[in-house]
Amino acid sequence: MDVIFIPLLTVVVKGIGLYQFLVFVYIILGWLEAFNVVNRYNQFVYTLHTFLFRIIEPLLSPLRRFLPYPNGIDFSPMVLIFIIYFVQGVLERILYKFPL
């Protein structure tokens, strides 16, 4: 059981880390677009934004329904990052319970 479980759990933890990185890129890209540092009509920026939107928005939209918008600030990406940290920490603790 450990032969399959531990490597699979390791891959899941690494995938969650990659997803967390993509959330950070999505946030920074949104800021760069808001402050007109990058042009959203640029083909590369548009493609990157569309890709990140399709991957990250399905997890952000349920959070936005429950979180208020104080002064127009969207805190859902920050809450998503905290949830990702929590899940990643739980999975890493499970990995440490099963030594190699």
Protein backbone atom coordinates (compact mmCIF):
# COMPACT_ATOMS: atom_id res chain seq x y z
CA MET A 1 0.00 0.00 0.00
CA ASP A 2 2.83 2.40 0.86
CA VAL A 3 4.46 1.76 -2.50
CA ILE A 4 1.60 3.53 -4.26
CA PHE A 5 0.25 5.81 -1.52
CA ILE A 6 3.37 7.79 -0.65
CA PRO A 7 4.46 8.68 -4.22
CA LEU A 8 0.87 9.50 -5.15
CA LEU A 9 0.50 11.76 -2.15
CA THR A 10 3.84 13.40 -2.98
CA VAL A 11 2.63 14.15 -6.51
CA VAL A 12 -0.61 15.61 -5.12
CA VAL A 13 1.33 17.87 -2.72
CA LYS A 14 3.57 19.07 -5.57
CA GLY A 15 0.50 19.69 -7.76
CA ILE A 16 -1.08 21.75 -5.00
CA GLY A 17 2.15 23.75 -4.76
CA LEU A 18 2.01 24.39 -8.51
CA TYR A 19 -1.62 25.48 -8.21
CA GLN A 20 -0.65 27.85 -5.41
CA PHE A 21 2.02 29.38 -7.65
CA LEU A 22 -0.56 29.84 -10.41
CA VAL A 23 -2.86 31.65 -7.96
CA PHE A 24 -0.01 34.06 -7.15
CA VAL A 25 0.61 34.63 -10.87
CA TYR A 26 -3.12 35.26 -11.39
CA ILE A 27 -3.16 37.85 -8.60
CA ILE A 28 -0.06 39.65 -9.86
CA LEU A 29 -1.32 39.61 -13.45
CA GLY A 30 -4.59 41.13 -12.26
CA TRP A 31 -2.71 43.91 -10.51
CA LEU A 32 -0.54 44.55 -13.56
CA GLU A 33 -3.65 44.79 -15.73
CA ALA A 34 -5.40 47.09 -13.26
CA PHE A 35 -2.46 49.52 -13.16
CA ASN A 36 -2.00 49.39 -16.96
CA VAL A 37 1.48 47.91 -16.75
CA VAL A 38 0.58 45.16 -19.20
CA ASN A 39 -1.89 45.44 -22.04
CA ARG A 40 -4.72 42.93 -21.79
CA TYR A 41 -5.16 43.01 -25.58
CA ASN A 42 -1.64 41.63 -26.07
CA GLN A 43 -2.02 38.06 -27.36
CA PHE A 44 0.34 36.50 -24.79
CA VAL A 45 -1.21 38.36 -21.85
CA TYR A 46 -4.71 37.51 -23.06
CA THR A 47 -3.85 33.82 -23.45
CA LEU A 48 -2.17 33.67 -20.04
CA HIS A 49 -5.07 35.46 -18.38
CA THR A 50 -7.64 33.18 -20.03
CA PHE A 51 -5.72 30.06 -19.01
CA LEU A 52 -5.37 31.21 -15.40
CA PHE A 53 -8.99 32.35 -15.27
CA ARG A 54 -10.26 28.94 -16.38
CA ILE A 55 -8.10 27.12 -13.84
CA ILE A 56 -8.47 29.37 -10.79
CA GLU A 57 -11.90 30.94 -11.08
CA PRO A 58 -13.86 27.71 -10.35
CA LEU A 59 -12.40 27.77 -6.83
CA LEU A 60 -12.63 31.54 -6.37
CA SER A 61 -16.27 32.00 -7.37
CA PRO A 62 -17.73 29.94 -4.46
CA LEU A 63 -15.55 31.91 -2.04
CA ARG A 64 -16.75 35.21 -3.48
CA ARG A 65 -20.35 34.29 -2.67
CA PHE A 66 -19.54 34.08 1.03
CA LEU A 67 -16.99 36.85 1.47
CA PRO A 68 -17.93 40.53 1.66
CA TYR A 69 -16.24 43.22 -0.44
CA PRO A 70 -15.06 45.83 2.07
CA ASN A 71 -14.13 48.99 0.15
CA GLY A 72 -14.16 47.04 -3.11
CA ILE A 73 -11.25 44.78 -2.17
CA ASP A 74 -11.54 41.12 -3.14
CA PHE A 75 -10.14 38.89 -0.40
CA SER A 76 -11.12 35.60 -2.03
CA PRO A 77 -7.64 34.90 -3.54
CA MET A 78 -6.06 35.39 -0.11
CA VAL A 79 -8.58 33.01 1.49
CA LEU A 80 -7.93 30.50 -1.30
CA ILE A 81 -4.19 30.67 -0.62
CA PHE A 82 -4.81 30.04 3.10
CA ILE A 83 -7.01 27.05 2.24
CA ILE A 84 -4.28 25.74 -0.07
CA TYR A 85 -1.68 26.16 2.72
CA PHE A 86 -3.95 24.25 5.09
CA VAL A 87 -4.59 21.35 2.70
CA GLN A 88 -0.94 21.18 1.77
CA GLY A 89 0.07 21.11 5.44
CA VAL A 90 -2.38 18.32 6.22
CA LEU A 91 -1.14 16.23 3.31
CA GLU A 92 2.50 16.79 4.27
CA ARG A 93 1.70 15.70 7.84
CA ILE A 94 0.15 12.52 6.45
CA LEU A 95 3.33 11.97 4.41
CA TYR A 96 5.48 12.28 7.54
CA LYS A 97 3.34 9.68 9.32
CA PHE A 98 4.37 7.09 6.73
CA PRO A 99 8.17 6.99 6.61
CA LEU A 100 9.89 5.50 3.59
